[in-house]
């Protein structure tokens, strides 16, 4: 079973969240993040849902492997 992946990208402090619906491979996700980053003009990260803990959804940053809050879609 694949767990949901969300892409967070933006300029400066704020970003937008969207559901990732592409191919679920490391290469495909890295290519998508590269496009979102626009050669360094923007930032982007991919977070995969991991589990829920005391009502908080927890995700894993797919590039760093660190746990983080799983983002809600705007």
PDB file of N, CA and C in Angstrom:
ATOM      1  N   UNK A   1       0.845  -1.190   0.000  1.00  0.00           N
ATOM      2  CA  UNK A   1       0.000   0.000   0.000  1.00  0.00           C
ATOM      3  C   UNK A   1       0.883   1.244   0.000  1.00  0.00           C
ATOM      4  N   UNK A   2       0.654   2.127  -0.939  1.00  0.00           N
ATOM      5  CA  UNK A   2       1.394   3.380  -1.006  1.00  0.00           C
ATOM      6  C   UNK A   2       0.779   4.387  -0.052  1.00  0.00           C
ATOM      7  N   UNK A   3       1.614   5.118   0.633  1.00  0.00           N
ATOM      8  CA  UNK A   3       1.139   6.173   1.510  1.00  0.00           C
ATOM      9  C   UNK A   3       1.161   7.480   0.751  1.00  0.00           C
ATOM     10  N   UNK A   4       0.242   8.366   1.097  1.00  0.00           N
ATOM     11  CA  UNK A   4       0.091   9.629   0.391  1.00  0.00           C
ATOM     12  C   UNK A   4       1.334  10.503   0.505  1.00  0.00           C
ATOM     13  N   UNK A   5       1.668  11.164  -0.609  1.00  0.00           N
ATOM     14  CA  UNK A   5       2.793  12.093  -0.668  1.00  0.00           C
ATOM     15  C   UNK A   5       2.243  13.465  -1.017  1.00  0.00           C
ATOM     16  N   UNK A   6       2.754  14.480  -0.343  1.00  0.00           N
ATOM     17  CA  UNK A   6       2.370  15.857  -0.647  1.00  0.00           C
ATOM     18  C   UNK A   6       3.619  16.674  -0.946  1.00  0.00           C
ATOM     19  N   UNK A   7       3.482  17.576  -1.906  1.00  0.00           N
ATOM     20  CA  UNK A   7       4.554  18.481  -2.313  1.00  0.00           C
ATOM     21  C   UNK A   7       4.248  19.855  -1.722  1.00  0.00           C
ATOM     22  N   UNK A   8       5.217  20.413  -1.028  1.00  0.00           N
ATOM     23  CA  UNK A   8       5.097  21.756  -0.479  1.00  0.00           C
ATOM     24  C   UNK A   8       6.129  22.605  -1.202  1.00  0.00           C
ATOM     25  N   UNK A   9       5.701  23.723  -1.789  1.00  0.00           N
ATOM     26  CA  UNK A   9       6.635  24.570  -2.524  1.00  0.00           C
ATOM     27  C   UNK A   9       6.211  26.027  -2.392  1.00  0.00           C
ATOM     28  N   UNK A  10       7.181  26.925  -2.543  1.00  0.00           N
ATOM     29  CA  UNK A  10       6.838  28.332  -2.463  1.00  0.00           C
ATOM     30  C   UNK A  10       8.023  29.256  -2.569  1.00  0.00           C
ATOM     31  N   UNK A  11       7.739  30.525  -2.318  1.00  0.00           N
ATOM     32  CA  UNK A  11       8.733  31.600  -2.300  1.00  0.00           C
ATOM     33  C   UNK A  11       8.778  32.155  -0.889  1.00  0.00           C
ATOM     34  N   UNK A  12       9.940  32.463  -0.393  1.00  0.00           N
ATOM     35  CA  UNK A  12      10.051  33.053   0.936  1.00  0.00           C
ATOM     36  C   UNK A  12       9.521  32.133   2.017  1.00  0.00           C
ATOM     37  N   UNK A  13       8.728  32.685   2.925  1.00  0.00           N
ATOM     38  CA  UNK A  13       8.209  31.942   4.076  1.00  0.00           C
ATOM     39  C   UNK A  13       6.979  31.096   3.752  1.00  0.00           C
ATOM     40  N   UNK A  14       6.168  31.530   2.805  1.00  0.00           N
ATOM     41  CA  UNK A  14       4.898  30.849   2.550  1.00  0.00           C
ATOM     42  C   UNK A  14       5.007  29.882   1.379  1.00  0.00           C
ATOM     43  N   UNK A  15       4.184  28.852   1.436  1.00  0.00           N
ATOM     44  CA  UNK A  15       4.172  27.860   0.379  1.00  0.00           C
ATOM     45  C   UNK A  15       2.778  27.283   0.195  1.00  0.00           C
ATOM     46  N   UNK A  16       2.628  26.497  -0.838  1.00  0.00           N
ATOM     47  CA  UNK A  16       1.365  25.822  -1.085  1.00  0.00           C
ATOM     48  C   UNK A  16       1.582  24.318  -1.000  1.00  0.00           C
ATOM     49  N   UNK A  17       0.516  23.617  -0.692  1.00  0.00           N
ATOM     50  CA  UNK A  17       0.561  22.172  -0.530  1.00  0.00           C
ATOM     51  C   UNK A  17      -0.337  21.538  -1.578  1.00  0.00           C
ATOM     52  N   UNK A  18       0.169  20.493  -2.213  1.00  0.00           N
ATOM     53  CA  UNK A  18      -0.666  19.762  -3.167  1.00  0.00           C
ATOM     54  C   UNK A  18      -0.370  18.263  -3.074  1.00  0.00           C
ATOM     55  N   UNK A  19      -1.348  17.482  -3.417  1.00  0.00           N
ATOM     56  CA  UNK A  19      -1.208  16.024  -3.418  1.00  0.00           C
ATOM     57  C   UNK A  19      -0.357  15.610  -4.620  1.00  0.00           C
ATOM     58  N   UNK A  20       0.643  14.779  -4.392  1.00  0.00           N
ATOM     59  CA  UNK A  20       1.491  14.281  -5.473  1.00  0.00           C
ATOM     60  C   UNK A  20       0.809  13.071  -6.092  1.00  0.00           C
ATOM     61  N   UNK A  21       0.636  13.118  -7.398  1.00  0.00           N
ATOM     62  CA  UNK A  21      -0.050  12.016  -8.074  1.00  0.00           C
ATOM     63  C   UNK A  21       0.807  11.380  -9.167  1.00  0.00           C
ATOM     64  N   UNK A  22       2.087  11.711  -9.180  1.00  0.00           N
ATOM     65  CA  UNK A  22       2.991  11.163 -10.184  1.00  0.00           C
ATOM     66  C   UNK A  22       3.473   9.769  -9.819  1.00  0.00           C
ATOM     67  N   UNK A  23       4.427   9.299 -10.601  1.00  0.00           N
ATOM     68  CA  UNK A  23       5.021   7.991 -10.371  1.00  0.00           C
ATOM     69  C   UNK A  23       5.719   7.988  -9.010  1.00  0.00           C
ATOM     70  N   UNK A  24       5.558   6.919  -8.272  1.00  0.00           N
ATOM     71  CA  UNK A  24       6.087   6.846  -6.912  1.00  0.00           C
ATOM     72  C   UNK A  24       7.489   6.228  -6.909  1.00  0.00           C
ATOM     73  N   UNK A  25       8.435   6.938  -7.533  1.00  0.00           N
ATOM     74  CA  UNK A  25       9.824   6.484  -7.533  1.00  0.00           C
ATOM     75  C   UNK A  25      10.690   7.651  -7.076  1.00  0.00           C
ATOM     76  N   UNK A  26      11.852   7.336  -6.550  1.00  0.00           N
ATOM     77  CA  UNK A  26      12.757   8.377  -6.074  1.00  0.00           C
ATOM     78  C   UNK A  26      13.111   9.348  -7.197  1.00  0.00           C
ATOM     79  N   UNK A  27      13.402   8.816  -8.360  1.00  0.00           N
ATOM     80  CA  UNK A  27      13.782   9.661  -9.502  1.00  0.00           C
ATOM     81  C   UNK A  27      12.655  10.607  -9.910  1.00  0.00           C
ATOM     82  N   UNK A  28      11.432  10.089 -10.009  1.00  0.00           N
ATOM     83  CA  UNK A  28      10.296  10.913 -10.418  1.00  0.00           C
ATOM     84  C   UNK A  28      10.030  12.037  -9.417  1.00  0.00           C
ATOM     85  N   UNK A  29      10.128  11.731  -8.140  1.00  0.00           N
ATOM     86  CA  UNK A  29       9.885  12.744  -7.118  1.00  0.00           C
ATOM     87  C   UNK A  29      10.987  13.798  -7.146  1.00  0.00           C
ATOM     88  N   UNK A  30      12.246  13.380  -7.312  1.00  0.00           N
ATOM     89  CA  UNK A  30      13.347  14.339  -7.384  1.00  0.00           C
ATOM     90  C   UNK A  30      13.213  15.253  -8.602  1.00  0.00           C
ATOM     91  N   UNK A  31      12.783  14.715  -9.742  1.00  0.00           N
ATOM     92  CA  UNK A  31      12.560  15.543 -10.930  1.00  0.00           C
ATOM     93  C   UNK A  31      11.457  16.560 -10.690  1.00  0.00           C
ATOM     94  N   UNK A  32      10.383  16.142 -10.029  1.00  0.00           N
ATOM     95  CA  UNK A  32       9.280  17.051  -9.727  1.00  0.00           C
ATOM     96  C   UNK A  32       9.751  18.179  -8.804  1.00  0.00           C
ATOM     97  N   UNK A  33      10.535  17.836  -7.786  1.00  0.00           N
ATOM     98  CA  UNK A  33      11.043  18.860  -6.872  1.00  0.00           C
ATOM     99  C   UNK A  33      11.977  19.832  -7.593  1.00  0.00           C
ATOM    100  N   UNK A  34      12.792  19.324  -8.499  1.00  0.00           N
ATOM    101  CA  UNK A  34      13.685  20.187  -9.279  1.00  0.00           C
ATOM    102  C   UNK A  34      12.889  21.189 -10.110  1.00  0.00           C
ATOM    103  N   UNK A  35      11.806  20.732 -10.728  1.00  0.00           N
ATOM    104  CA  UNK A  35      10.941  21.643 -11.507  1.00  0.00           C
ATOM    105  C   UNK A  35      10.324  22.700 -10.602  1.00  0.00           C
ATOM    106  N   UNK A  36       9.849  22.275  -9.426  1.00  0.00           N
ATOM    107  CA  UNK A  36       9.219  23.214  -8.493  1.00  0.00           C
ATOM    108  C   UNK A  36      10.214  24.273  -8.010  1.00  0.00           C
ATOM    109  N   UNK A  37      11.475  23.895  -7.880  1.00  0.00           N
ATOM    110  CA  UNK A  37      12.488  24.815  -7.342  1.00  0.00           C
ATOM    111  C   UNK A  37      12.938  25.864  -8.351  1.00  0.00           C
ATOM    112  N   UNK A  38      12.630  25.695  -9.609  1.00  0.00           N
ATOM    113  CA  UNK A  38      12.924  26.691 -10.658  1.00  0.00           C
ATOM    114  C   UNK A  38      14.365  27.194 -10.587  1.00  0.00           C
ATOM    115  N   UNK A  39      15.330  26.290 -10.605  1.00  0.00           N
ATOM    116  CA  UNK A  39      16.753  26.653 -10.579  1.00  0.00           C
ATOM    117  C   UNK A  39      17.140  27.514  -9.384  1.00  0.00           C
ATOM    118  N   UNK A  40      16.539  27.261  -8.239  1.00  0.00           N
ATOM    119  CA  UNK A  40      16.908  27.972  -7.024  1.00  0.00           C
ATOM    120  C   UNK A  40      16.071  29.189  -6.694  1.00  0.00           C
ATOM    121  N   UNK A  41      15.106  29.539  -7.524  1.00  0.00           N
ATOM    122  CA  UNK A  41      14.254  30.698  -7.263  1.00  0.00           C
ATOM    123  C   UNK A  41      13.186  30.395  -6.213  1.00  0.00           C
ATOM    124  N   UNK A  42      12.893  29.121  -6.010  1.00  0.00           N
ATOM    125  CA  UNK A  42      11.853  28.701  -5.070  1.00  0.00           C
ATOM    126  C   UNK A  42      12.376  27.535  -4.236  1.00  0.00           C
ATOM    127  N   UNK A  43      11.626  27.137  -3.219  1.00  0.00           N
ATOM    128  CA  UNK A  43      11.965  25.963  -2.421  1.00  0.00           C
ATOM    129  C   UNK A  43      10.837  24.944  -2.564  1.00  0.00           C
ATOM    130  N   UNK A  44      11.173  23.688  -2.326  1.00  0.00           N
ATOM    131  CA  UNK A  44      10.171  22.628  -2.423  1.00  0.00           C
ATOM    132  C   UNK A  44      10.635  21.423  -1.612  1.00  0.00           C
ATOM    133  N   UNK A  45       9.672  20.689  -1.077  1.00  0.00           N
ATOM    134  CA  UNK A  45       9.981  19.429  -0.413  1.00  0.00           C
ATOM    135  C   UNK A  45       8.810  18.473  -0.573  1.00  0.00           C
ATOM    136  N   UNK A  46       9.107  17.194  -0.442  1.00  0.00           N
ATOM    137  CA  UNK A  46       8.091  16.142  -0.534  1.00  0.00           C
ATOM    138  C   UNK A  46       7.989  15.459   0.820  1.00  0.00           C
ATOM    139  N   UNK A  47       6.749  15.289   1.297  1.00  0.00           N
ATOM    140  CA  UNK A  47       6.511  14.663   2.589  1.00  0.00           C
ATOM    141  C   UNK A  47       5.536  13.511   2.398  1.00  0.00           C
ATOM    142  N   UNK A  48       5.900  12.340   2.919  1.00  0.00           N
ATOM    143  CA  UNK A  48       5.044  11.154   2.836  1.00  0.00           C
ATOM    144  C   UNK A  48       4.408  10.903   4.195  1.00  0.00           C
ATOM    145  N   UNK A  49       3.104  10.602   4.182  1.00  0.00           N
ATOM    146  CA  UNK A  49       2.393  10.320   5.434  1.00  0.00           C
ATOM    147  C   UNK A  49       2.997   9.102   6.104  1.00  0.00           C
ATOM    148  N   UNK A  50       3.192   9.184   7.423  1.00  0.00           N
ATOM    149  CA  UNK A  50       3.754   8.078   8.188  1.00  0.00           C
ATOM    150  C   UNK A  50       2.735   7.499   9.159  1.00  0.00           C
ATOM    151  N   UNK A  51       2.239   8.336  10.077  1.00  0.00           N
ATOM    152  CA  UNK A  51       1.301   7.858  11.087  1.00  0.00           C
ATOM    153  C   UNK A  51       0.665   9.050  11.810  1.00  0.00           C
ATOM    154  N   UNK A  52      -0.275   8.744  12.684  1.00  0.00           N
ATOM    155  CA  UNK A  52      -0.914   9.761  13.507  1.00  0.00           C
ATOM    156  C   UNK A  52      -0.472   9.553  14.945  1.00  0.00           C
ATOM    157  N   UNK A  53      -0.179  10.662  15.638  1.00  0.00           N
ATOM    158  CA  UNK A  53       0.278  10.586  17.024  1.00  0.00           C
ATOM    159  C   UNK A  53      -0.473  11.635  17.840  1.00  0.00           C
ATOM    160  N   UNK A  54      -1.345  11.190  18.730  1.00  0.00           N
ATOM    161  CA  UNK A  54      -2.137  12.101  19.577  1.00  0.00           C
ATOM    162  C   UNK A  54      -2.887  13.144  18.751  1.00  0.00           C
ATOM    163  N   UNK A  55      -3.482  12.720  17.649  1.00  0.00           N
ATOM    164  CA  UNK A  55      -4.266  13.611  16.803  1.00  0.00           C
ATOM    165  C   UNK A  55      -3.466  14.446  15.825  1.00  0.00           C
ATOM    166  N   UNK A  56      -2.163  14.313  15.811  1.00  0.00           N
ATOM    167  CA  UNK A  56      -1.304  15.057  14.886  1.00  0.00           C
ATOM    168  C   UNK A  56      -0.797  14.100  13.807  1.00  0.00           C
ATOM    169  N   UNK A  57      -0.965  14.475  12.557  1.00  0.00           N
ATOM    170  CA  UNK A  57      -0.468  13.645  11.462  1.00  0.00           C
ATOM    171  C   UNK A  57       1.022  13.872  11.275  1.00  0.00           C
ATOM    172  N   UNK A  58       1.768  12.782  11.217  1.00  0.00           N
ATOM    173  CA  UNK A  58       3.223  12.835  11.117  1.00  0.00           C
ATOM    174  C   UNK A  58       3.641  12.350   9.730  1.00  0.00           C
ATOM    175  N   UNK A  59       4.609  13.043   9.134  1.00  0.00           N
ATOM    176  CA  UNK A  59       5.131  12.662   7.831  1.00  0.00           C
ATOM    177  C   UNK A  59       6.640  12.512   7.879  1.00  0.00           C
ATOM    178  N   UNK A  60       7.187  12.024   6.782  1.00  0.00           N
ATOM    179  CA  UNK A  60       8.633  11.885   6.640  1.00  0.00           C
ATOM    180  C   UNK A  60       9.065  12.699   5.430  1.00  0.00           C
ATOM    181  N   UNK A  61      10.026  13.593   5.643  1.00  0.00           N
ATOM    182  CA  UNK A  61      10.602  14.358   4.548  1.00  0.00           C
ATOM    183  C   UNK A  61      11.382  13.371   3.684  1.00  0.00           C
ATOM    184  N   UNK A  62      11.017  13.243   2.420  1.00  0.00           N
ATOM    185  CA  UNK A  62      11.606  12.213   1.566  1.00  0.00           C
ATOM    186  C   UNK A  62      13.059  12.485   1.179  1.00  0.00           C
ATOM    187  N   UNK A  63      13.544  13.690   1.346  1.00  0.00           N
ATOM    188  CA  UNK A  63      14.949  13.966   1.038  1.00  0.00           C
ATOM    189  C   UNK A  63      15.856  13.805   2.256  1.00  0.00           C
ATOM    190  N   UNK A  64      15.365  14.212   3.418  1.00  0.00           N
ATOM    191  CA  UNK A  64      16.209  14.172   4.610  1.00  0.00           C
ATOM    192  C   UNK A  64      15.944  12.947   5.481  1.00  0.00           C
ATOM    193  N   UNK A  65      14.760  12.349   5.351  1.00  0.00           N
ATOM    194  CA  UNK A  65      14.386  11.214   6.187  1.00  0.00           C
ATOM    195  C   UNK A  65      13.927  11.617   7.578  1.00  0.00           C
ATOM    196  N   UNK A  66      13.794  12.909   7.830  1.00  0.00           N
ATOM    197  CA  UNK A  66      13.381  13.401   9.147  1.00  0.00           C
ATOM    198  C   UNK A  66      11.863  13.429   9.265  1.00  0.00           C
ATOM    199  N   UNK A  67      11.394  13.181  10.491  1.00  0.00           N
ATOM    200  CA  UNK A  67       9.959  13.285  10.763  1.00  0.00           C
ATOM    201  C   UNK A  67       9.569  14.754  10.833  1.00  0.00           C
ATOM    202  N   UNK A  68       8.341  15.050  10.370  1.00  0.00           N
ATOM    203  CA  UNK A  68       7.824  16.399  10.400  1.00  0.00           C
ATOM    204  C   UNK A  68       6.289  16.326  10.434  1.00  0.00           C
ATOM    205  N   UNK A  69       5.652  17.456  10.564  1.00  0.00           N
ATOM    206  CA  UNK A  69       4.193  17.490  10.514  1.00  0.00           C
ATOM    207  C   UNK A  69       3.749  17.242   9.082  1.00  0.00           C
ATOM    208  N   UNK A  70       2.784  16.328   8.899  1.00  0.00           N
ATOM    209  CA  UNK A  70       2.256  16.067   7.567  1.00  0.00           C
ATOM    210  C   UNK A  70       1.334  17.226   7.203  1.00  0.00           C
ATOM    211  N   UNK A  71       1.613  17.932   6.108  1.00  0.00           N
ATOM    212  CA  UNK A  71       0.879  19.157   5.794  1.00  0.00           C
ATOM    213  C   UNK A  71      -0.547  18.902   5.321  1.00  0.00           C
ATOM    214  N   UNK A  72      -1.435  19.790   5.746  1.00  0.00           N
ATOM    215  CA  UNK A  72      -2.826  19.766   5.282  1.00  0.00           C
ATOM    216  C   UNK A  72      -2.905  20.498   3.950  1.00  0.00           C
ATOM    217  N   UNK A  73      -3.783  20.047   3.091  1.00  0.00           N
ATOM    218  CA  UNK A  73      -3.976  20.731   1.802  1.00  0.00           C
ATOM    219  C   UNK A  73      -4.778  21.994   2.017  1.00  0.00           C
ATOM    220  N   UNK A  74      -4.294  23.103   1.447  1.00  0.00           N
ATOM    221  CA  UNK A  74      -4.926  24.409   1.619  1.00  0.00           C
ATOM    222  C   UNK A  74      -6.345  24.429   1.097  1.00  0.00           C
TER     223      UNK A  74
END
